[in-house]
C-alpha atoms as a PDB file:
ATOM      1  CA  MET A   1    -123.543-109.109 -10.261  1.00  0.00           C
ATOM      2  CA  ALA A   2    -123.163-110.333  -6.697  1.00  0.00           C
ATOM      3  CA  LYS A   3    -121.893-106.955  -5.588  1.00  0.00           C
ATOM      4  CA  ASP A   4    -124.787-105.146  -7.262  1.00  0.00           C
ATOM      5  CA  GLU A   5    -127.307-107.476  -5.661  1.00  0.00           C
ATOM      6  CA  LYS A   6    -125.913-106.748  -2.214  1.00  0.00           C
ATOM      7  CA  LYS A   7    -126.018-103.000  -2.659  1.00  0.00           C
ATOM      8  CA  GLU A   8    -129.549-102.822  -4.061  1.00  0.00           C
ATOM      9  CA  PRO A   9    -131.441-103.573  -0.813  1.00  0.00           C
ATOM     10  CA  THR A  10    -129.442-100.905   0.992  1.00  0.00           C
ATOM     11  CA  THR A  11    -130.214 -98.343  -1.701  1.00  0.00           C
ATOM     12  CA  ASN A  12    -133.901 -99.245  -1.653  1.00  0.00           C
ATOM     13  CA  ALA A  13    -133.998 -99.064   2.129  1.00  0.00           C
ATOM     14  CA  VAL A  14    -132.430 -95.604   2.116  1.00  0.00           C
ATOM     15  CA  THR A  15    -134.897 -94.420  -0.535  1.00  0.00           C
ATOM     16  CA  ILE A  16    -137.865 -95.664   1.477  1.00  0.00           C
ATOM     17  CA  GLN A  17    -136.478 -94.141   4.666  1.00  0.00           C
ATOM     18  CA  GLU A  18    -135.971 -90.800   2.938  1.00  0.00           C
ATOM     19  CA  LYS A  19    -139.528 -90.779   1.625  1.00  0.00           C
ATOM     20  CA  ASN A  20    -141.016 -91.687   4.993  1.00  0.00           C
ATOM     21  CA  ILE A  21    -139.065 -89.106   6.957  1.00  0.00           C
ATOM     22  CA  THR A  22    -139.254 -86.255   4.466  1.00  0.00           C
ATOM     23  CA  ASP A  23    -142.963 -86.865   3.874  1.00  0.00           C
ATOM     24  CA  THR A  24    -143.535 -86.598   7.617  1.00  0.00           C
ATOM     25  CA  VAL A  25    -141.581 -83.346   7.815  1.00  0.00           C
ATOM     26  CA  LEU A  26    -143.266 -81.844   4.747  1.00  0.00           C
ATOM     27  CA  ALA A  27    -146.729 -82.734   6.051  1.00  0.00           C
ATOM     28  CA  ARG A  28    -146.011 -81.003   9.351  1.00  0.00           C
ATOM     29  CA  VAL A  29    -144.606 -77.940   7.591  1.00  0.00           C
ATOM     30  CA  ASN A  30    -147.668 -77.719   5.342  1.00  0.00           C
ATOM     31  CA  ASP A  31    -149.956 -77.876   8.375  1.00  0.00           C
ATOM     32  CA  LEU A  32    -148.040 -75.059  10.053  1.00  0.00           C
ATOM     33  CA  GLU A  33    -148.188 -72.918   6.926  1.00  0.00           C
ATOM     34  CA  LYS A  34    -151.930 -73.410   6.509  1.00  0.00           C
ATOM     35  CA  SER A  35    -152.591 -72.519  10.123  1.00  0.00           C
ATOM     36  CA  GLY A  36    -150.576 -69.316   9.748  1.00  0.00           C
ATOM     37  CA  GLY A  37    -148.030 -70.414  12.331  1.00  0.00           C
ATOM     38  CA  LEU A  38    -145.113 -70.365   9.958  1.00  0.00           C
ATOM     39  CA  ASN A  39    -143.751 -68.046   7.287  1.00  0.00           C
ATOM     40  CA  PHE A  40    -140.583 -68.564   5.275  1.00  0.00           C
ATOM     41  CA  PRO A  41    -138.112 -66.122   3.746  1.00  0.00           C
ATOM     42  CA  ALA A  42    -139.000 -65.381   0.134  1.00  0.00           C
ATOM     43  CA  ASN A  43    -135.867 -67.050  -1.203  1.00  0.00           C
ATOM     44  CA  TYR A  44    -136.016 -70.165   0.980  1.00  0.00           C
ATOM     45  CA  SER A  45    -137.047 -73.510  -0.526  1.00  0.00           C
ATOM     46  CA  TYR A  46    -137.527 -76.019   2.271  1.00  0.00           C
ATOM     47  CA  ALA A  47    -138.044 -78.823  -0.235  1.00  0.00           C
ATOM     48  CA  ASN A  48    -134.616 -78.155  -1.745  1.00  0.00           C
ATOM     49  CA  ALA A  49    -133.071 -77.838   1.705  1.00  0.00           C
ATOM     50  CA  LEU A  50    -134.427 -81.266   2.666  1.00  0.00           C
ATOM     51  CA  LYS A  51    -133.204 -82.867  -0.535  1.00  0.00           C
ATOM     52  CA  SER A  52    -129.707 -81.477  -0.299  1.00  0.00           C
ATOM     53  CA  ALA A  53    -129.487 -82.425   3.367  1.00  0.00           C
ATOM     54  CA  TRP A  54    -130.456 -85.982   2.631  1.00  0.00           C
ATOM     55  CA  LEU A  55    -127.885 -86.316  -0.136  1.00  0.00           C
ATOM     56  CA  ILE A  56    -125.180 -85.217   2.244  1.00  0.00           C
ATOM     57  CA  LEU A  57    -126.238 -87.636   4.944  1.00  0.00           C
ATOM     58  CA  GLN A  58    -126.100 -90.592   2.613  1.00  0.00           C
ATOM     59  CA  SER A  59    -122.319 -90.482   2.686  1.00  0.00           C
ATOM     60  CA  THR A  60    -121.993 -89.481   6.332  1.00  0.00           C
ATOM     61  CA  VAL A  61    -120.882 -91.855   9.060  1.00  0.00           C
ATOM     62  CA  ASP A  62    -120.789 -91.552  12.821  1.00  0.00           C
ATOM     63  CA  THR A  63    -117.822 -91.736  15.160  1.00  0.00           C
ATOM     64  CA  GLU A  64    -117.919 -95.507  14.921  1.00  0.00           C
ATOM     65  CA  LYS A  65    -117.882 -95.316  11.117  1.00  0.00           C
ATOM     66  CA  LYS A  66    -121.503 -96.440  10.911  1.00  0.00           C
ATOM     67  CA  PRO A  67    -123.851 -94.761   8.405  1.00  0.00           C
ATOM     68  CA  VAL A  68    -125.765 -92.061  10.212  1.00  0.00           C
ATOM     69  CA  LEU A  69    -128.910 -93.041   8.369  1.00  0.00           C
ATOM     70  CA  SER A  70    -128.949 -96.288  10.299  1.00  0.00           C
ATOM     71  CA  SER A  71    -127.517 -95.230  13.662  1.00  0.00           C
ATOM     72  CA  CYS A  72    -129.904 -92.458  14.763  1.00  0.00           C
ATOM     73  CA  SER A  73    -133.565 -92.775  15.574  1.00  0.00           C
ATOM     74  CA  LYS A  74    -136.100 -91.788  12.922  1.00  0.00           C
ATOM     75  CA  GLU A  75    -137.767 -89.454  15.391  1.00  0.00           C
ATOM     76  CA  SER A  76    -134.590 -87.500  16.082  1.00  0.00           C
ATOM     77  CA  ILE A  77    -133.838 -87.268  12.369  1.00  0.00           C
ATOM     78  CA  ALA A  78    -137.316 -85.974  11.573  1.00  0.00           C
ATOM     79  CA  ASN A  79    -137.264 -83.496  14.470  1.00  0.00           C
ATOM     80  CA  SER A  80    -133.870 -82.140  13.486  1.00  0.00           C
ATOM     81  CA  LEU A  81    -134.985 -81.672   9.894  1.00  0.00           C
ATOM     82  CA  LEU A  82    -138.175 -80.004  11.011  1.00  0.00           C
ATOM     83  CA  ASP A  83    -136.288 -77.574  13.255  1.00  0.00           C
ATOM     84  CA  MET A  84    -133.980 -76.801  10.329  1.00  0.00           C
ATOM     85  CA  VAL A  85    -136.897 -76.008   8.036  1.00  0.00           C
ATOM     86  CA  ILE A  86    -138.852 -73.977  10.601  1.00  0.00           C
ATOM     87  CA  GLN A  87    -135.822 -71.741  11.126  1.00  0.00           C
ATOM     88  CA  GLY A  88    -135.238 -71.411   7.389  1.00  0.00           C
ATOM     89  CA  LEU A  89    -131.683 -72.684   7.712  1.00  0.00           C
ATOM     90  CA  SER A  90    -129.516 -73.999   4.914  1.00  0.00           C
ATOM     91  CA  PRO A  91    -126.842 -76.628   5.561  1.00  0.00           C
ATOM     92  CA  ALA A  92    -125.347 -75.775   2.164  1.00  0.00           C
ATOM     93  CA  LYS A  93    -124.628 -72.265   3.446  1.00  0.00           C
ATOM     94  CA  LYS A  94    -123.065 -73.696   6.614  1.00  0.00           C
ATOM     95  CA  GLN A  95    -125.857 -72.251   8.708  1.00  0.00           C
ATOM     96  CA  CYS A  96    -126.418 -75.523  10.543  1.00  0.00           C
ATOM     97  CA  TYR A  97    -124.927 -78.947  11.128  1.00  0.00           C
ATOM     98  CA  PHE A  98    -126.320 -82.306  12.141  1.00  0.00           C
ATOM     99  CA  ILE A  99    -124.468 -84.136  14.879  1.00  0.00           C
ATOM    100  CA  ALA A 100    -125.328 -87.467  16.438  1.00  0.00           C
ATOM    101  CA  TYR A 101    -125.051 -87.969  20.177  1.00  0.00           C
ATOM    102  CA  GLY A 102    -125.600 -91.618  20.788  1.00  0.00           C
ATOM    103  CA  LYS A 103    -128.696 -92.549  18.808  1.00  0.00           C
ATOM    104  CA  GLN A 104    -130.086 -89.031  18.772  1.00  0.00           C
ATOM    105  CA  LEU A 105    -129.514 -86.670  15.881  1.00  0.00           C
ATOM    106  CA  THR A 106    -129.094 -83.073  17.012  1.00  0.00           C
ATOM    107  CA  LEU A 107    -129.324 -79.899  14.961  1.00  0.00           C
ATOM    108  CA  MET A 108    -126.566 -77.407  15.674  1.00  0.00           C
ATOM    109  CA  ARG A 109    -126.777 -73.808  14.514  1.00  0.00           C
ATOM    110  CA  SER A 110    -123.647 -72.029  13.343  1.00  0.00           C
ATOM    111  CA  TYR A 111    -122.706 -68.397  13.864  1.00  0.00           C
ATOM    112  CA  LEU A 112    -124.006 -67.515  10.396  1.00  0.00           C
ATOM    113  CA  GLY A 113    -127.170 -69.499  11.080  1.00  0.00           C
ATOM    114  CA  THR A 114    -127.817 -67.550  14.267  1.00  0.00           C
ATOM    115  CA  ILE A 115    -127.561 -64.284  12.350  1.00  0.00           C
ATOM    116  CA  ALA A 116    -129.897 -65.577   9.631  1.00  0.00           C
ATOM    117  CA  VAL A 117    -132.506 -66.736  12.160  1.00  0.00           C
ATOM    118  CA  THR A 118    -132.363 -63.484  14.108  1.00  0.00           C
ATOM    119  CA  LYS A 119    -132.991 -61.506  10.929  1.00  0.00           C
ATOM    120  CA  ARG A 120    -136.149 -63.577  10.412  1.00  0.00           C
ATOM    121  CA  LEU A 121    -137.703 -62.190  13.582  1.00  0.00           C
ATOM    122  CA  LYS A 122    -140.229 -59.389  13.305  1.00  0.00           C
ATOM    123  CA  GLY A 123    -138.784 -55.925  12.887  1.00  0.00           C
ATOM    124  CA  ILE A 124    -135.138 -56.990  12.703  1.00  0.00           C
ATOM    125  CA  LYS A 125    -133.148 -55.193  10.039  1.00  0.00           C
ATOM    126  CA  GLU A 126    -129.545 -56.201  10.695  1.00  0.00           C
ATOM    127  CA  VAL A 127    -127.170 -57.930  13.086  1.00  0.00           C
ATOM    128  CA  PHE A 128    -123.497 -57.038  13.414  1.00  0.00           C
ATOM    129  CA  ALA A 129    -120.603 -56.966  15.847  1.00  0.00           C
ATOM    130  CA  ASN A 130    -117.532 -54.813  16.350  1.00  0.00           C
ATOM    131  CA  ILE A 131    -114.287 -55.228  18.248  1.00  0.00           C
ATOM    132  CA  ILE A 132    -113.112 -52.748  20.867  1.00  0.00           C
ATOM    133  CA  TYR A 133    -109.335 -52.340  20.751  1.00  0.00           C
ATOM    134  CA  GLU A 134    -106.941 -50.630  23.116  1.00  0.00           C
ATOM    135  CA  GLY A 135    -106.906 -46.924  22.263  1.00  0.00           C
ATOM    136  CA  ASP A 136    -110.499 -46.861  20.970  1.00  0.00           C
ATOM    137  CA  GLU A 137    -112.863 -44.238  22.338  1.00  0.00           C
ATOM    138  CA  PHE A 138    -115.724 -46.372  23.553  1.00  0.00           C
ATOM    139  CA  GLU A 139    -118.603 -45.383  25.765  1.00  0.00           C
ATOM    140  CA  TYR A 140    -121.996 -46.844  26.577  1.00  0.00           C
ATOM    141  CA  LYS A 141    -124.725 -46.269  29.126  1.00  0.00           C
ATOM    142  CA  ILE A 142    -127.534 -48.247  30.699  1.00  0.00           C
ATOM    143  CA  ASN A 143    -131.071 -47.028  30.151  1.00  0.00           C
ATOM    144  CA  LEU A 144    -132.506 -46.953  33.664  1.00  0.00           C
ATOM    145  CA  GLU A 145    -136.059 -47.305  32.374  1.00  0.00           C
ATOM    146  CA  THR A 146    -135.484 -50.387  30.214  1.00  0.00           C
ATOM    147  CA  GLY A 147    -132.300 -51.809  31.721  1.00  0.00           C
ATOM    148  CA  LEU A 148    -130.863 -52.094  28.205  1.00  0.00           C
ATOM    149  CA  LYS A 149    -127.394 -51.018  27.152  1.00  0.00           C
ATOM    150  CA  GLU A 150    -127.075 -48.108  24.750  1.00  0.00           C
ATOM    151  CA  LEU A 151    -123.989 -47.178  22.760  1.00  0.00           C
ATOM    152  CA  VAL A 152    -122.867 -43.588  23.185  1.00  0.00           C
ATOM    153  CA  LYS A 153    -119.816 -43.619  20.936  1.00  0.00           C
ATOM    154  CA  HIS A 154    -117.165 -45.813  19.420  1.00  0.00           C
ATOM    155  CA  ASN A 155    -114.328 -44.061  17.621  1.00  0.00           C
ATOM    156  CA  GLN A 156    -111.599 -46.289  16.256  1.00  0.00           C
ATOM    157  CA  ASN A 157    -108.332 -45.455  14.530  1.00  0.00           C
ATOM    158  CA  PHE A 158    -106.969 -47.778  11.899  1.00  0.00           C
ATOM    159  CA  GLU A 159    -103.729 -48.079  13.860  1.00  0.00           C
ATOM    160  CA  ASN A 160    -105.599 -49.497  16.846  1.00  0.00           C
ATOM    161  CA  ILE A 161    -106.646 -52.660  15.003  1.00  0.00           C
ATOM    162  CA  ASN A 162    -104.559 -55.393  16.582  1.00  0.00           C
ATOM    163  CA  PRO A 163    -105.931 -58.850  17.502  1.00  0.00           C
ATOM    164  CA  ALA A 164    -103.433 -58.979  20.358  1.00  0.00           C
ATOM    165  CA  LYS A 165    -104.926 -55.855  21.936  1.00  0.00           C
ATOM    166  CA  ILE A 166    -108.623 -56.612  22.067  1.00  0.00           C
ATOM    167  CA  LYS A 167    -110.417 -55.107  25.066  1.00  0.00           C
ATOM    168  CA  GLY A 168    -113.848 -56.473  24.227  1.00  0.00           C
ATOM    169  CA  ALA A 169    -116.617 -56.669  21.644  1.00  0.00           C
ATOM    170  CA  TYR A 170    -120.239 -55.680  21.226  1.00  0.00           C
ATOM    171  CA  ALA A 171    -123.123 -56.898  19.099  1.00  0.00           C
ATOM    172  CA  CYS A 172    -126.005 -54.818  17.806  1.00  0.00           C
ATOM    173  CA  ILE A 173    -129.390 -56.076  16.687  1.00  0.00           C
ATOM    174  CA  ILE A 174    -130.883 -53.263  14.626  1.00  0.00           C
ATOM    175  CA  ARG A 175    -134.659 -52.967  15.075  1.00  0.00           C
ATOM    176  CA  GLU A 176    -137.306 -51.025  13.193  1.00  0.00           C
ATOM    177  CA  ASN A 177    -138.709 -48.093  15.170  1.00  0.00           C
ATOM    178  CA  LEU A 178    -136.809 -49.137  18.277  1.00  0.00           C
ATOM    179  CA  PRO A 179    -133.285 -48.515  19.597  1.00  0.00           C
ATOM    180  CA  PRO A 180    -130.705 -51.203  18.799  1.00  0.00           C
ATOM    181  CA  PHE A 181    -130.503 -54.144  21.164  1.00  0.00           C
ATOM    182  CA  VAL A 182    -126.907 -54.114  22.386  1.00  0.00           C
ATOM    183  CA  GLU A 183    -124.808 -56.717  24.164  1.00  0.00           C
ATOM    184  CA  ILE A 184    -121.264 -55.978  25.344  1.00  0.00           C
ATOM    185  CA  MET A 185    -118.567 -58.340  26.612  1.00  0.00           C
ATOM    186  CA  ASN A 186    -115.077 -57.538  27.790  1.00  0.00           C
ATOM    187  CA  ILE A 187    -112.205 -59.790  26.803  1.00  0.00           C
ATOM    188  CA  ASP A 188    -112.228 -61.606  30.143  1.00  0.00           C
ATOM    189  CA  GLN A 189    -115.877 -62.570  29.666  1.00  0.00           C
ATOM    190  CA  ILE A 190    -115.172 -63.669  26.110  1.00  0.00           C
ATOM    191  CA  LYS A 191    -112.252 -65.839  27.154  1.00  0.00           C
ATOM    192  CA  LYS A 192    -114.278 -67.418  29.939  1.00  0.00           C
ATOM    193  CA  SER A 193    -116.841 -68.368  27.325  1.00  0.00           C
ATOM    194  CA  TRP A 194    -114.094 -69.897  25.193  1.00  0.00           C
ATOM    195  CA  MET A 195    -112.817 -71.817  28.202  1.00  0.00           C
ATOM    196  CA  GLN A 196    -116.004 -73.899  28.076  1.00  0.00           C
ATOM    197  CA  GLY A 197    -114.514 -75.604  25.039  1.00  0.00           C
ATOM    198  CA  SER A 198    -111.756 -78.161  25.367  1.00  0.00           C
ATOM    199  CA  ALA A 199    -109.790 -76.939  22.326  1.00  0.00           C
ATOM    200  CA  TYR A 200    -109.264 -73.425  23.678  1.00  0.00           C
ATOM    201  CA  SER A 201    -108.733 -74.468  27.284  1.00  0.00           C
ATOM    202  CA  SER A 202    -106.089 -76.992  26.213  1.00  0.00           C
ATOM    203  CA  GLY A 203    -104.299 -74.404  24.103  1.00  0.00           C
ATOM    204  CA  LYS A 204    -104.834 -76.377  20.898  1.00  0.00           C
ATOM    205  CA  SER A 205    -107.230 -74.016  19.150  1.00  0.00           C
ATOM    206  CA  LYS A 206    -105.510 -72.289  16.255  1.00  0.00           C
ATOM    207  CA  ALA A 207    -108.788 -70.599  15.359  1.00  0.00           C
ATOM    208  CA  HIS A 208    -108.825 -68.565  18.575  1.00  0.00           C
ATOM    209  CA  THR A 209    -105.201 -67.608  17.980  1.00  0.00           C
ATOM    210  CA  ASN A 210    -105.347 -66.858  14.267  1.00  0.00           C
ATOM    211  CA  PHE A 211    -108.864 -65.417  14.139  1.00  0.00           C
ATOM    212  CA  THR A 212    -109.202 -63.883  17.591  1.00  0.00           C
ATOM    213  CA  ASP A 213    -111.288 -60.940  16.396  1.00  0.00           C
ATOM    214  CA  GLU A 214    -113.734 -63.086  14.434  1.00  0.00           C
ATOM    215  CA  MET A 215    -114.067 -65.553  17.294  1.00  0.00           C
ATOM    216  CA  ALA A 216    -114.823 -62.685  19.674  1.00  0.00           C
ATOM    217  CA  LYS A 217    -117.511 -61.378  17.310  1.00  0.00           C
ATOM    218  CA  LYS A 218    -119.055 -64.824  17.074  1.00  0.00           C
ATOM    219  CA  THR A 219    -119.204 -65.138  20.836  1.00  0.00           C
ATOM    220  CA  VAL A 220    -120.848 -61.775  21.490  1.00  0.00           C
ATOM    221  CA  ILE A 221    -123.319 -62.197  18.610  1.00  0.00           C
ATOM    222  CA  ASN A 222    -124.384 -65.618  19.860  1.00  0.00           C
ATOM    223  CA  ARG A 223    -124.872 -64.217  23.339  1.00  0.00           C
ATOM    224  CA  ALA A 224    -126.861 -61.194  22.139  1.00  0.00           C
ATOM    225  CA  CYS A 225    -129.106 -63.264  19.907  1.00  0.00           C
ATOM    226  CA  LYS A 226    -129.725 -65.881  22.570  1.00  0.00           C
ATOM    227  CA  ILE A 227    -130.946 -63.202  24.971  1.00  0.00           C
ATOM    228  CA  PHE A 228    -133.015 -61.506  22.290  1.00  0.00           C
ATOM    229  CA  PHE A 229    -134.733 -64.685  21.072  1.00  0.00           C
ATOM    230  CA  ASN A 230    -136.586 -65.142  24.313  1.00  0.00           C
ATOM    231  CA  THR A 231    -137.747 -61.533  24.501  1.00  0.00           C
ATOM    232  CA  SER A 232    -139.314 -61.716  21.050  1.00  0.00           C
ATOM    233  CA  ASP A 233    -143.069 -61.971  20.498  1.00  0.00           C
ATOM    234  CA  ASP A 234    -142.625 -64.007  17.326  1.00  0.00           C
ATOM    235  CA  SER A 235    -144.357 -67.309  16.628  1.00  0.00           C
ATOM    236  CA  ASP A 236    -144.003 -69.867  19.387  1.00  0.00           C
ATOM    237  CA  VAL A 237    -143.272 -72.423  16.668  1.00  0.00           C
ATOM    238  CA  LEU A 238    -140.252 -70.470  15.442  1.00  0.00           C
ATOM    239  CA  ILE A 239    -138.969 -69.610  18.914  1.00  0.00           C
ATOM    240  CA  GLY A 240    -139.442 -73.233  19.967  1.00  0.00           C
ATOM    241  CA  ALA A 241    -137.316 -74.439  17.055  1.00  0.00           C
ATOM    242  CA  ILE A 242    -134.695 -71.817  17.853  1.00  0.00           C
ATOM    243  CA  ASN A 243    -134.491 -72.951  21.462  1.00  0.00           C
ATOM    244  CA  ASN A 244    -134.384 -76.617  20.428  1.00  0.00           C
ATOM    245  CA  THR A 245    -131.279 -75.898  18.395  1.00  0.00           C
ATOM    246  CA  LYS A 246    -127.984 -75.542  20.171  1.00  0.00           C
ATOM    247  CA  ASP A 247    -125.505 -72.860  19.162  1.00  0.00           C
ATOM    248  CA  ILE A 248    -122.089 -74.200  18.373  1.00  0.00           C
ATOM    249  CA  ASP A 249    -120.680 -71.898  21.072  1.00  0.00           C
ATOM    250  CA  SER A 250    -122.973 -73.385  23.713  1.00  0.00           C
ATOM    251  CA  ILE A 251    -121.511 -76.872  23.665  1.00  0.00           C
ATOM    252  CA  PRO A 252    -118.855 -77.127  26.361  1.00  0.00           C
ATOM    253  CA  GLU A 253    -117.558 -80.558  25.508  1.00  0.00           C
ATOM    254  CA  PRO A 254    -116.003 -81.101  23.109  1.00  0.00           C
ATOM    255  CA  ASP A 255    -115.147 -77.704  21.653  1.00  0.00           C
ATOM    256  CA  TYR A 256    -118.126 -77.686  19.360  1.00  0.00           C
ATOM    257  CA  GLU A 257    -117.099 -74.906  17.070  1.00  0.00           C
ATOM    258  CA  ILE A 258    -114.037 -76.849  16.153  1.00  0.00           C
ATOM    259  CA  GLU A 259    -115.511 -80.308  16.358  1.00  0.00           C
ATOM    260  CA  VAL A 260    -118.391 -79.514  14.051  1.00  0.00           C
ATOM    261  CA  GLU A 261    -116.147 -77.941  11.497  1.00  0.00           C
ATOM    262  CA  GLU A 262    -113.807 -80.861  11.918  1.00  0.00           C
ATOM    263  CA  GLU A 263    -116.527 -83.392  11.312  1.00  0.00           C
ATOM    264  CA  ILE A 264    -117.573 -81.449   8.295  1.00  0.00           C
ATOM    265  CA  GLN A 265    -114.100 -81.524   6.960  1.00  0.00           C
ATOM    266  CA  GLU A 266    -114.042 -85.267   7.129  1.00  0.00           C
ATOM    267  CA  LYS A 267    -117.437 -85.533   5.454  1.00  0.00           C
ATOM    268  CA  ALA A 268    -118.350 -82.329   3.730  1.00  0.00           C
ATOM    269  CA  ASN A 269    -121.899 -83.549   3.728  1.00  0.00           C
ATOM    270  CA  LYS A 270    -122.529 -83.807   7.350  1.00  0.00           C
ATOM    271  CA  ASP A 271    -123.984 -80.389   7.834  1.00  0.00           C
ATOM    272  CA  LEU A 272    -127.242 -81.127   6.113  1.00  0.00           C
ATOM    273  CA  ILE A 273    -129.640 -83.706   7.258  1.00  0.00           C
ATOM    274  CA  ASP A 274    -130.437 -84.921  10.593  1.00  0.00           C
ATOM    275  CA  ILE A 275    -129.662 -88.488  10.319  1.00  0.00           C
ATOM    276  CA  LYS A 276    -127.230 -90.429  12.255  1.00  0.00           C
ATOM    277  CA  THR A 277    -123.951 -89.242  13.484  1.00  0.00           C
ATOM    278  CA  SER A 278    -121.079 -88.719  11.184  1.00  0.00           C
ATOM    279  CA  SER A 279    -117.604 -89.849  11.987  1.00  0.00           C
ATOM    280  CA  ALA A 280    -115.260 -87.209  13.267  1.00  0.00           C
ATOM    281  CA  PRO A 281    -112.219 -86.337  11.168  1.00  0.00           C
ATOM    282  CA  THR A 282    -108.757 -86.062  12.581  1.00  0.00           C
ATOM    283  CA  PRO A 283    -108.011 -82.949  14.662  1.00  0.00           C
ATOM    284  CA  GLU A 284    -105.667 -81.683  11.964  1.00  0.00           C
ATOM    285  CA  GLU A 285    -108.327 -82.025   9.272  1.00  0.00           C
ATOM    286  CA  GLN A 286    -110.961 -80.441  11.467  1.00  0.00           C
ATOM    287  CA  GLN A 287    -108.762 -77.493  12.290  1.00  0.00           C
ATOM    288  CA  LYS A 288    -108.012 -76.786   8.631  1.00  0.00           C
ATOM    289  CA  ILE A 289    -111.713 -76.785   7.783  1.00  0.00           C
ATOM    290  CA  PHE A 290    -112.543 -74.470  10.618  1.00  0.00           C
ATOM    291  CA  GLU A 291    -109.808 -71.990   9.719  1.00  0.00           C
ATOM    292  CA  LYS A 292    -110.879 -71.977   6.077  1.00  0.00           C
ATOM    293  CA  GLU A 293    -114.510 -71.337   6.966  1.00  0.00           C
ATOM    294  CA  MET A 294    -113.611 -68.589   9.387  1.00  0.00           C
ATOM    295  CA  ALA A 295    -111.728 -66.837   6.601  1.00  0.00           C
ATOM    296  CA  GLU A 296    -114.713 -67.288   4.279  1.00  0.00           C
ATOM    297  CA  ALA A 297    -117.090 -65.944   6.903  1.00  0.00           C
ATOM    298  CA  ASP A 298    -114.917 -62.867   7.301  1.00  0.00           C
ATOM    299  CA  ALA A 299    -114.998 -62.207   3.572  1.00  0.00           C
ATOM    300  CA  GLN A 300    -118.607 -63.145   2.869  1.00  0.00           C
ATOM    301  CA  ARG A 301    -120.639 -62.481   6.016  1.00  0.00           C
ATOM    302  CA  GLU A 302    -123.722 -60.418   5.419  1.00  0.00           C
ATOM    303  CA  PHE A 303    -123.421 -58.049   8.313  1.00  0.00           C
END
């Protein structure tokens, strides 16, 4: 009985906190919808996204093993949840993660989340990336009127596919009634981007070694989408939420792509709600999670 009595106040407190925060987020979302400043994908239920996120956070702890629901500020939790909903992201689909920095909860957008958000913008049909290998016939030009890159050709033989012989990668954002928006990076540029993360620069990243092609695609897609976001004439509310959310690739320290996946491995719930920080798993556990998800992304990605 004594044990039950001690747990009950904590449970009640969490329930009240959930109601207060989610009610605040839902009220704001409803206001945005009524004013016409926000539209959601047809298959997106923000109420379900909030509920699932909260359930995950209830068992999440920060790096000091403290429950995230009690270590981060209510404002940062509410703002992170709101940014998640505005972008139509789903933590259950690994499109975003919630990470605590000090007492602030921060929403992080994954590679798959970036693709999903980009496809929400007006006139966007598809987003994809391809690898350029040694031996490929690849040619592009720069449109001197728009300054944009345009693909001329990319012919690839099956025998050329070799992760050890990657020359570069390009991402295409396919637009309705307009030429594709193209971003191209050579392998030196890609590796310099990776060097911003401690795992790759220290030589400890198995993901970059075992999934070099997928990591290169992620990097060029994130770069292309980041540039494109701020040239879009979409709702300021949506673009604001996009810019408030950091891409996993954009965090130099620690290696966010690996750290986020690592934290998720320790607490598979951490990706959902924006509550306090969750404790980071061991490097070995984190690496296994990341490698597994990279393999899943390769098999299941939509583009």
